[in-house]
């Protein structure tokens, strides 16, 4: 399957964090900072408040303003079964960086440009190997933990070592 055909539900961020329309901007900003997220859905007002919206509110000294005055609305959505290319097209069309993933009328996830970048990114070692002519993109490769030396053979790079959680490196790629 082409990466652009991958369903959004496989890459979206969950759970969706939401606030009410009367939540003060200061409180919404705290939620973003504490949870390390870039937006919250304004559930009862069909909107979304992003870091950018909150920064504009802070610049205007509107920290106590309700998020309903700062939010982007209406919220742009995509279904969980839509593919990555649909999300890219929708973000481009509306010039936004986040889409709410909605099943029926319920927000079930958020997909951001960061999520899309991760889904479309190619393992750097595989790209280097393809240019070097040493690795077929569909072949299994050998990966080694940079910490404990554990080795794994796989078609795609493991995120981290299952034994010690350290990063893995691709041994199938020459390091000249």
N, C-alpha and C. Protein backbone atom coordinates (compact mmCIF):
# COMPACT_ATOMS: atom_id res chain seq x y z
N UNK A 1 0.84 -1.18 0.00
CA UNK A 1 0.00 0.00 0.00
C UNK A 1 0.89 1.25 0.00
N UNK A 2 0.58 2.16 -0.86
CA UNK A 2 1.27 3.45 -0.92
C UNK A 2 1.00 4.21 0.37
N UNK A 3 1.99 4.91 0.88
CA UNK A 3 1.84 5.64 2.15
C UNK A 3 0.75 6.70 2.09
N UNK A 4 0.48 7.24 0.90
CA UNK A 4 -0.57 8.24 0.75
C UNK A 4 -1.97 7.63 0.86
N UNK A 5 -2.05 6.30 0.74
CA UNK A 5 -3.33 5.60 0.83
C UNK A 5 -3.60 5.09 2.24
N UNK A 6 -2.66 5.28 3.15
CA UNK A 6 -2.82 4.81 4.53
C UNK A 6 -3.99 5.52 5.20
N UNK A 7 -4.85 4.78 5.92
CA UNK A 7 -5.99 5.40 6.58
C UNK A 7 -5.56 6.31 7.73
N UNK A 8 -6.26 7.40 7.89
CA UNK A 8 -5.96 8.38 8.93
C UNK A 8 -6.01 7.77 10.32
N UNK A 9 -6.92 6.84 10.57
CA UNK A 9 -7.04 6.28 11.92
C UNK A 9 -5.75 5.58 12.35
N UNK A 10 -4.87 5.22 11.40
CA UNK A 10 -3.61 4.58 11.75
C UNK A 10 -2.55 5.58 12.21
N UNK A 11 -2.71 6.85 11.88
CA UNK A 11 -1.67 7.83 12.23
C UNK A 11 -2.17 8.95 13.14
N UNK A 12 -3.47 9.04 13.36
CA UNK A 12 -4.02 10.15 14.15
C UNK A 12 -3.57 10.06 15.61
N UNK A 13 -3.61 11.20 16.27
CA UNK A 13 -3.30 11.28 17.69
C UNK A 13 -4.59 11.15 18.48
N UNK A 14 -4.56 10.28 19.49
CA UNK A 14 -5.71 10.10 20.37
C UNK A 14 -5.22 10.09 21.80
N UNK A 15 -6.02 10.33 22.77
CA UNK A 15 -7.41 10.77 22.65
C UNK A 15 -7.47 12.26 22.33
N UNK A 16 -8.64 12.71 21.97
CA UNK A 16 -8.85 14.13 21.69
C UNK A 16 -9.07 14.84 23.01
N UNK A 17 -8.35 15.91 23.22
CA UNK A 17 -8.54 16.73 24.43
C UNK A 17 -9.49 17.85 24.05
N UNK A 18 -10.49 18.08 24.87
CA UNK A 18 -11.45 19.15 24.56
C UNK A 18 -11.69 20.02 25.78
N UNK A 19 -12.18 21.22 25.50
CA UNK A 19 -12.57 22.18 26.53
C UNK A 19 -13.93 22.73 26.13
N UNK A 20 -14.56 23.44 27.05
CA UNK A 20 -15.84 24.08 26.73
C UNK A 20 -15.60 25.48 26.20
N UNK A 21 -16.59 26.03 25.55
CA UNK A 21 -16.47 27.35 24.93
C UNK A 21 -16.15 28.45 25.93
N UNK A 22 -16.57 28.30 27.18
CA UNK A 22 -16.33 29.35 28.17
C UNK A 22 -15.02 29.17 28.94
N UNK A 23 -14.20 28.20 28.58
CA UNK A 23 -12.90 28.00 29.22
C UNK A 23 -12.01 29.20 28.95
N UNK A 24 -11.40 29.79 30.00
CA UNK A 24 -10.50 30.93 29.78
C UNK A 24 -9.26 30.53 28.97
N UNK A 25 -8.78 31.42 28.15
CA UNK A 25 -7.60 31.16 27.32
C UNK A 25 -6.42 30.70 28.17
N UNK A 26 -6.24 31.28 29.34
CA UNK A 26 -5.15 30.92 30.23
C UNK A 26 -5.22 29.42 30.58
N UNK A 27 -6.41 28.94 30.88
CA UNK A 27 -6.60 27.54 31.24
C UNK A 27 -6.34 26.61 30.04
N UNK A 28 -6.79 27.01 28.88
CA UNK A 28 -6.54 26.21 27.67
C UNK A 28 -5.04 26.15 27.37
N UNK A 29 -4.35 27.27 27.56
CA UNK A 29 -2.90 27.30 27.35
C UNK A 29 -2.20 26.35 28.32
N UNK A 30 -2.67 26.31 29.55
CA UNK A 30 -2.10 25.39 30.55
C UNK A 30 -2.28 23.94 30.12
N UNK A 31 -3.44 23.62 29.57
CA UNK A 31 -3.71 22.26 29.10
C UNK A 31 -2.71 21.88 28.00
N UNK A 32 -2.50 22.79 27.05
CA UNK A 32 -1.56 22.52 25.97
C UNK A 32 -0.16 22.29 26.50
N UNK A 33 0.27 23.12 27.42
CA UNK A 33 1.62 22.98 27.99
C UNK A 33 1.77 21.71 28.81
N UNK A 34 0.83 21.45 29.69
CA UNK A 34 0.91 20.28 30.57
C UNK A 34 0.86 18.97 29.79
N UNK A 35 0.06 18.92 28.74
CA UNK A 35 -0.12 17.67 28.00
C UNK A 35 0.76 17.58 26.77
N UNK A 36 1.52 18.64 26.46
CA UNK A 36 2.42 18.63 25.32
C UNK A 36 1.71 18.45 24.00
N UNK A 37 0.57 19.14 23.85
CA UNK A 37 -0.21 19.04 22.62
C UNK A 37 -0.32 20.41 21.96
N UNK A 38 -0.78 20.44 20.72
CA UNK A 38 -0.82 21.69 19.98
C UNK A 38 -2.19 22.30 19.82
N UNK A 39 -3.24 21.57 20.28
CA UNK A 39 -4.59 22.12 20.13
C UNK A 39 -5.55 21.38 21.04
N UNK A 40 -6.68 22.04 21.27
CA UNK A 40 -7.81 21.41 21.97
C UNK A 40 -9.07 21.72 21.17
N UNK A 41 -9.96 20.76 21.14
CA UNK A 41 -11.24 20.94 20.47
C UNK A 41 -12.18 21.66 21.42
N UNK A 42 -12.94 22.62 20.89
CA UNK A 42 -13.97 23.29 21.68
C UNK A 42 -15.26 22.55 21.35
N UNK A 43 -15.54 21.57 22.21
CA UNK A 43 -16.56 20.57 21.92
C UNK A 43 -17.96 21.14 21.72
N UNK A 44 -18.34 22.10 22.52
CA UNK A 44 -19.71 22.60 22.44
C UNK A 44 -19.87 23.80 21.51
N UNK A 45 -18.82 24.08 20.71
CA UNK A 45 -18.90 25.25 19.83
C UNK A 45 -18.37 24.99 18.42
N UNK A 46 -18.10 23.72 18.07
CA UNK A 46 -17.61 23.37 16.74
C UNK A 46 -16.39 24.20 16.35
N UNK A 47 -15.39 24.19 17.23
CA UNK A 47 -14.17 24.94 16.96
C UNK A 47 -12.95 24.21 17.48
N UNK A 48 -11.80 24.80 17.23
CA UNK A 48 -10.53 24.28 17.70
C UNK A 48 -9.67 25.46 18.12
N UNK A 49 -8.96 25.31 19.22
CA UNK A 49 -8.04 26.34 19.69
C UNK A 49 -6.63 25.77 19.58
N UNK A 50 -5.79 26.46 18.85
CA UNK A 50 -4.41 26.02 18.64
C UNK A 50 -3.44 26.92 19.40
N UNK A 51 -2.19 26.51 19.43
CA UNK A 51 -1.16 27.35 20.04
C UNK A 51 -1.14 28.72 19.39
N UNK A 52 -1.29 28.76 18.09
CA UNK A 52 -1.29 30.03 17.36
C UNK A 52 -2.43 30.93 17.80
N UNK A 53 -3.62 30.35 17.96
CA UNK A 53 -4.77 31.12 18.43
C UNK A 53 -4.50 31.70 19.81
N UNK A 54 -3.93 30.86 20.68
CA UNK A 54 -3.66 31.31 22.06
C UNK A 54 -2.55 32.36 22.10
N UNK A 55 -1.55 32.21 21.27
CA UNK A 55 -0.49 33.24 21.22
C UNK A 55 -1.05 34.59 20.78
N UNK A 56 -1.95 34.56 19.82
CA UNK A 56 -2.60 35.81 19.39
C UNK A 56 -3.38 36.41 20.55
N UNK A 57 -4.09 35.58 21.31
CA UNK A 57 -4.83 36.06 22.47
C UNK A 57 -3.92 36.63 23.54
N UNK A 58 -2.79 35.99 23.76
CA UNK A 58 -1.82 36.48 24.75
C UNK A 58 -1.26 37.82 24.29
N UNK A 59 -0.93 37.91 23.00
CA UNK A 59 -0.39 39.16 22.45
C UNK A 59 -1.39 40.31 22.63
N UNK A 60 -2.66 40.00 22.53
CA UNK A 60 -3.71 41.00 22.72
C UNK A 60 -4.13 41.14 24.18
N UNK A 61 -3.39 40.46 25.07
CA UNK A 61 -3.65 40.49 26.51
C UNK A 61 -5.08 40.06 26.83
N UNK A 62 -5.47 38.92 26.24
CA UNK A 62 -6.82 38.39 26.44
C UNK A 62 -6.74 37.01 27.12
N UNK A 63 -5.93 36.92 28.16
CA UNK A 63 -5.73 35.64 28.85
C UNK A 63 -6.99 35.12 29.54
N UNK A 64 -7.86 36.02 29.93
CA UNK A 64 -9.08 35.59 30.62
C UNK A 64 -10.27 35.47 29.67
N UNK A 65 -10.06 35.78 28.39
CA UNK A 65 -11.14 35.67 27.40
C UNK A 65 -11.52 34.20 27.22
N UNK A 66 -12.79 33.93 26.99
CA UNK A 66 -13.19 32.54 26.72
C UNK A 66 -12.61 32.08 25.38
N UNK A 67 -12.28 30.80 25.30
CA UNK A 67 -11.67 30.28 24.08
C UNK A 67 -12.59 30.45 22.87
N UNK A 68 -13.89 30.57 23.10
CA UNK A 68 -14.81 30.76 21.98
C UNK A 68 -14.51 32.05 21.21
N UNK A 69 -13.85 33.02 21.88
CA UNK A 69 -13.48 34.27 21.21
C UNK A 69 -12.17 34.16 20.43
N UNK A 70 -11.39 33.11 20.70
CA UNK A 70 -10.08 32.95 20.06
C UNK A 70 -10.03 31.79 19.08
N UNK A 71 -10.97 30.87 19.17
CA UNK A 71 -10.92 29.63 18.41
C UNK A 71 -11.10 29.84 16.91
N UNK A 72 -10.66 28.85 16.17
CA UNK A 72 -10.89 28.78 14.74
C UNK A 72 -12.17 27.98 14.55
N UNK A 73 -13.09 28.53 13.79
CA UNK A 73 -14.34 27.82 13.54
C UNK A 73 -14.85 28.15 12.15
N UNK A 74 -15.61 27.27 11.55
CA UNK A 74 -15.91 25.94 12.04
C UNK A 74 -14.68 25.06 11.90
N UNK A 75 -14.65 23.98 12.66
CA UNK A 75 -13.53 23.07 12.63
C UNK A 75 -13.58 22.27 11.32
N UNK A 76 -12.41 22.03 10.74
CA UNK A 76 -12.32 21.25 9.51
C UNK A 76 -12.05 19.80 9.92
N UNK A 77 -12.82 18.89 9.36
CA UNK A 77 -12.74 17.49 9.79
C UNK A 77 -12.39 16.56 8.64
N UNK A 78 -12.05 15.35 9.04
CA UNK A 78 -11.79 14.26 8.11
C UNK A 78 -12.27 12.99 8.80
N UNK A 79 -12.69 12.00 8.04
CA UNK A 79 -13.16 10.75 8.65
C UNK A 79 -11.98 9.84 8.95
N UNK A 80 -12.13 8.94 9.91
CA UNK A 80 -11.03 8.03 10.26
C UNK A 80 -10.61 7.13 9.10
N UNK A 81 -11.53 6.87 8.16
CA UNK A 81 -11.23 6.00 7.03
C UNK A 81 -10.64 6.75 5.84
N UNK A 82 -10.61 8.08 5.91
CA UNK A 82 -10.02 8.85 4.82
C UNK A 82 -8.53 8.52 4.75
N UNK A 83 -7.94 8.71 3.58
CA UNK A 83 -6.51 8.40 3.46
C UNK A 83 -5.64 9.64 3.70
N UNK A 84 -4.36 9.40 3.82
CA UNK A 84 -3.39 10.46 4.10
C UNK A 84 -3.47 11.56 3.04
N UNK A 85 -3.61 11.18 1.76
CA UNK A 85 -3.67 12.18 0.71
C UNK A 85 -4.88 13.10 0.87
N UNK A 86 -6.00 12.56 1.31
CA UNK A 86 -7.19 13.38 1.55
C UNK A 86 -6.91 14.41 2.64
N UNK A 87 -6.23 13.99 3.71
CA UNK A 87 -5.89 14.92 4.78
C UNK A 87 -4.94 16.01 4.28
N UNK A 88 -3.96 15.63 3.49
CA UNK A 88 -3.02 16.61 2.92
C UNK A 88 -3.78 17.62 2.07
N UNK A 89 -4.65 17.12 1.21
CA UNK A 89 -5.42 18.01 0.33
C UNK A 89 -6.30 18.97 1.13
N UNK A 90 -6.95 18.46 2.17
CA UNK A 90 -7.84 19.29 2.97
C UNK A 90 -7.03 20.37 3.72
N UNK A 91 -5.89 19.99 4.28
CA UNK A 91 -5.05 20.97 4.98
C UNK A 91 -4.58 22.05 4.01
N UNK A 92 -4.20 21.64 2.82
CA UNK A 92 -3.75 22.59 1.82
C UNK A 92 -4.89 23.53 1.40
N UNK A 93 -6.05 22.97 1.17
CA UNK A 93 -7.21 23.76 0.75
C UNK A 93 -7.59 24.82 1.79
N UNK A 94 -7.56 24.44 3.07
CA UNK A 94 -7.98 25.37 4.12
C UNK A 94 -6.80 26.10 4.78
N UNK A 95 -5.59 25.80 4.33
CA UNK A 95 -4.37 26.42 4.87
C UNK A 95 -4.29 26.28 6.38
N UNK A 96 -4.43 25.02 6.84
CA UNK A 96 -4.38 24.71 8.26
C UNK A 96 -3.36 23.60 8.52
N UNK A 97 -3.03 23.41 9.80
CA UNK A 97 -2.04 22.41 10.18
C UNK A 97 -2.62 21.25 10.97
N UNK A 98 -3.92 21.31 11.29
CA UNK A 98 -4.57 20.24 12.07
C UNK A 98 -5.98 20.01 11.55
N UNK A 99 -6.36 18.73 11.54
CA UNK A 99 -7.73 18.35 11.22
C UNK A 99 -8.27 17.54 12.38
N UNK A 100 -9.54 17.74 12.69
CA UNK A 100 -10.19 16.90 13.68
C UNK A 100 -10.70 15.66 12.94
N UNK A 101 -10.38 14.50 13.47
CA UNK A 101 -10.86 13.25 12.89
C UNK A 101 -12.19 12.94 13.57
N UNK A 102 -13.23 12.86 12.76
CA UNK A 102 -14.58 12.76 13.31
C UNK A 102 -15.27 11.51 12.76
N UNK A 103 -15.85 10.75 13.69
CA UNK A 103 -16.67 9.59 13.33
C UNK A 103 -18.10 9.95 13.72
N UNK A 104 -18.96 10.11 12.73
CA UNK A 104 -20.30 10.62 13.00
C UNK A 104 -20.16 12.07 13.43
N UNK A 105 -20.57 12.36 14.65
CA UNK A 105 -20.41 13.72 15.19
C UNK A 105 -19.41 13.75 16.33
N UNK A 106 -18.71 12.63 16.55
CA UNK A 106 -17.77 12.55 17.67
C UNK A 106 -16.32 12.70 17.20
N UNK A 107 -15.58 13.59 17.86
CA UNK A 107 -14.15 13.75 17.59
C UNK A 107 -13.42 12.56 18.18
N UNK A 108 -12.73 11.80 17.32
CA UNK A 108 -12.04 10.59 17.78
C UNK A 108 -10.52 10.72 17.68
N UNK A 109 -10.04 11.80 17.07
CA UNK A 109 -8.61 11.99 16.94
C UNK A 109 -8.29 13.33 16.32
N UNK A 110 -7.01 13.63 16.29
CA UNK A 110 -6.49 14.83 15.62
C UNK A 110 -5.38 14.35 14.70
N UNK A 111 -5.32 14.89 13.50
CA UNK A 111 -4.20 14.60 12.62
C UNK A 111 -3.55 15.94 12.29
N UNK A 112 -2.24 16.00 12.50
CA UNK A 112 -1.49 17.24 12.29
C UNK A 112 -0.46 17.05 11.18
N UNK A 113 0.14 18.14 10.77
CA UNK A 113 1.20 18.05 9.77
C UNK A 113 2.35 17.19 10.30
N UNK A 114 2.57 17.21 11.60
CA UNK A 114 3.62 16.37 12.20
C UNK A 114 3.26 14.89 12.04
N UNK A 115 2.00 14.53 12.28
CA UNK A 115 1.57 13.15 12.08
C UNK A 115 1.76 12.72 10.62
N UNK A 116 1.41 13.60 9.70
CA UNK A 116 1.55 13.29 8.28
C UNK A 116 3.02 13.14 7.90
N UNK A 117 3.87 14.02 8.43
CA UNK A 117 5.31 13.93 8.15
C UNK A 117 5.85 12.60 8.61
N UNK A 118 5.47 12.19 9.82
CA UNK A 118 5.94 10.89 10.33
C UNK A 118 5.46 9.74 9.46
N UNK A 119 4.22 9.80 9.01
CA UNK A 119 3.65 8.73 8.20
C UNK A 119 4.33 8.63 6.84
N UNK A 120 4.76 9.75 6.31
CA UNK A 120 5.35 9.77 4.98
C UNK A 120 6.87 9.70 4.99
N UNK A 121 7.48 9.90 6.15
CA UNK A 121 8.94 9.88 6.24
C UNK A 121 9.48 8.50 5.92
N UNK A 122 10.58 8.49 5.25
CA UNK A 122 11.26 7.24 4.93
C UNK A 122 12.46 7.13 5.84
N UNK A 123 12.71 5.94 6.33
CA UNK A 123 13.87 5.69 7.17
C UNK A 123 15.12 6.17 6.42
N UNK A 124 15.89 7.07 7.03
CA UNK A 124 17.07 7.66 6.41
C UNK A 124 18.06 6.60 5.97
N UNK A 125 18.26 5.57 6.77
CA UNK A 125 19.19 4.51 6.40
C UNK A 125 18.75 3.82 5.11
N UNK A 126 17.44 3.62 4.95
CA UNK A 126 16.93 2.97 3.74
C UNK A 126 17.17 3.85 2.52
N UNK A 127 16.96 5.15 2.65
CA UNK A 127 17.20 6.08 1.55
C UNK A 127 18.68 6.07 1.17
N UNK A 128 19.55 6.11 2.15
CA UNK A 128 21.00 6.09 1.89
C UNK A 128 21.35 4.79 1.16
N UNK A 129 20.81 3.68 1.63
CA UNK A 129 21.07 2.39 1.01
C UNK A 129 20.58 2.32 -0.42
N UNK A 130 19.42 2.89 -0.70
CA UNK A 130 18.91 2.90 -2.06
C UNK A 130 19.81 3.69 -2.99
N UNK A 131 20.30 4.85 -2.51
CA UNK A 131 21.20 5.64 -3.34
C UNK A 131 22.54 4.94 -3.51
N UNK A 132 22.98 4.22 -2.49
CA UNK A 132 24.23 3.49 -2.54
C UNK A 132 24.09 2.21 -3.35
N UNK A 133 22.84 1.81 -3.64
CA UNK A 133 22.61 0.61 -4.43
C UNK A 133 22.73 -0.67 -3.64
N UNK A 134 22.77 -0.58 -2.32
CA UNK A 134 23.01 -1.78 -1.53
C UNK A 134 21.76 -2.37 -0.90
N UNK A 135 20.66 -1.64 -0.90
CA UNK A 135 19.47 -2.11 -0.20
C UNK A 135 18.25 -1.98 -1.10
N UNK A 136 17.51 -3.05 -1.23
CA UNK A 136 16.23 -3.03 -1.94
C UNK A 136 15.19 -2.54 -0.94
N UNK A 137 14.33 -1.60 -1.32
CA UNK A 137 13.37 -1.01 -0.38
C UNK A 137 12.40 -2.03 0.21
N UNK A 138 12.19 -3.18 -0.45
CA UNK A 138 11.26 -4.18 0.07
C UNK A 138 11.96 -5.34 0.79
N UNK A 139 13.29 -5.34 0.82
CA UNK A 139 14.00 -6.47 1.42
C UNK A 139 14.14 -6.31 2.93
N UNK A 140 14.33 -7.45 3.59
CA UNK A 140 14.57 -7.40 5.03
C UNK A 140 16.00 -6.93 5.28
N UNK A 141 16.19 -6.20 6.35
CA UNK A 141 17.49 -5.66 6.68
C UNK A 141 17.82 -6.00 8.13
N UNK A 142 19.08 -5.90 8.47
CA UNK A 142 19.51 -6.21 9.83
C UNK A 142 19.74 -4.92 10.58
N UNK A 143 19.13 -4.84 11.77
CA UNK A 143 19.25 -3.67 12.63
C UNK A 143 19.92 -4.09 13.94
N UNK A 144 20.72 -3.16 14.50
CA UNK A 144 21.43 -3.45 15.74
C UNK A 144 21.20 -2.32 16.74
N UNK A 145 20.98 -2.70 17.99
CA UNK A 145 20.83 -1.72 19.06
C UNK A 145 22.17 -1.04 19.29
N UNK A 146 22.16 0.29 19.36
CA UNK A 146 23.42 1.00 19.57
C UNK A 146 23.91 0.91 21.01
N UNK A 147 23.06 0.40 21.89
CA UNK A 147 23.43 0.30 23.30
C UNK A 147 23.84 -1.12 23.69
N UNK A 148 22.94 -2.09 23.49
CA UNK A 148 23.21 -3.46 23.97
C UNK A 148 23.67 -4.41 22.88
N UNK A 149 23.57 -4.02 21.60
CA UNK A 149 24.03 -4.87 20.51
C UNK A 149 23.02 -5.89 20.02
N UNK A 150 21.82 -5.90 20.58
CA UNK A 150 20.76 -6.82 20.15
C UNK A 150 20.50 -6.61 18.66
N UNK A 151 20.40 -7.72 17.89
CA UNK A 151 20.16 -7.63 16.45
C UNK A 151 18.78 -8.16 16.09
N UNK A 152 18.17 -7.50 15.06
CA UNK A 152 16.84 -7.86 14.59
C UNK A 152 16.86 -7.78 13.08
N UNK A 153 16.21 -8.73 12.41
CA UNK A 153 16.03 -8.67 10.97
C UNK A 153 14.57 -8.32 10.72
N UNK A 154 14.35 -7.26 9.91
CA UNK A 154 12.99 -6.79 9.67
C UNK A 154 12.92 -6.04 8.35
N UNK A 155 11.70 -5.90 7.82
CA UNK A 155 11.49 -5.17 6.57
C UNK A 155 11.52 -3.66 6.78
N UNK A 156 11.26 -3.20 8.02
CA UNK A 156 11.32 -1.77 8.31
C UNK A 156 12.03 -1.57 9.65
N UNK A 157 12.56 -0.40 9.82
CA UNK A 157 13.35 -0.12 11.01
C UNK A 157 12.50 -0.17 12.28
N UNK A 158 12.94 -0.97 13.27
CA UNK A 158 12.24 -0.96 14.56
C UNK A 158 12.45 0.40 15.23
N UNK A 159 11.46 0.88 15.94
CA UNK A 159 11.59 2.18 16.61
C UNK A 159 12.72 2.17 17.63
N UNK A 160 12.67 1.22 18.55
CA UNK A 160 13.70 1.10 19.58
C UNK A 160 13.92 -0.38 19.86
N UNK A 161 14.99 -0.67 20.55
CA UNK A 161 15.35 -2.03 20.93
C UNK A 161 14.31 -2.58 21.91
N UNK A 162 13.84 -3.80 21.66
CA UNK A 162 12.86 -4.39 22.56
C UNK A 162 13.49 -4.81 23.89
N UNK A 163 14.82 -4.98 23.90
CA UNK A 163 15.51 -5.41 25.12
C UNK A 163 15.83 -4.25 26.07
N UNK A 164 16.24 -3.10 25.48
CA UNK A 164 16.68 -2.00 26.37
C UNK A 164 16.10 -0.64 26.00
N UNK A 165 15.28 -0.57 24.94
CA UNK A 165 14.60 0.66 24.53
C UNK A 165 15.53 1.73 23.96
N UNK A 166 16.73 1.33 23.55
CA UNK A 166 17.68 2.28 22.93
C UNK A 166 17.44 2.31 21.41
N UNK A 167 17.96 3.33 20.72
CA UNK A 167 17.79 3.42 19.26
C UNK A 167 18.49 2.26 18.53
N UNK A 168 17.95 1.94 17.35
CA UNK A 168 18.51 0.89 16.50
C UNK A 168 19.20 1.54 15.30
N UNK A 169 20.22 0.85 14.76
CA UNK A 169 20.87 1.33 13.53
C UNK A 169 20.81 0.22 12.49
N UNK A 170 20.82 0.61 11.23
CA UNK A 170 20.72 -0.33 10.12
C UNK A 170 22.12 -0.81 9.75
N UNK A 171 22.36 -2.10 9.92
CA UNK A 171 23.66 -2.69 9.58
C UNK A 171 23.77 -3.01 8.10
N UNK A 172 22.65 -2.97 7.37
CA UNK A 172 22.65 -3.32 5.95
C UNK A 172 23.15 -2.17 5.09
N UNK A 173 23.38 -1.02 5.68
CA UNK A 173 23.82 0.16 4.94
C UNK A 173 25.29 0.41 5.21
N UNK A 174 26.10 0.52 4.14
CA UNK A 174 27.54 0.79 4.36
C UNK A 174 27.75 2.14 5.02
N UNK A 175 28.76 2.23 5.87
CA UNK A 175 29.05 3.47 6.62
C UNK A 175 30.38 4.08 6.20
N UNK A 176 30.67 4.14 4.91
CA UNK A 176 31.96 4.68 4.43
C UNK A 176 32.03 6.16 4.58
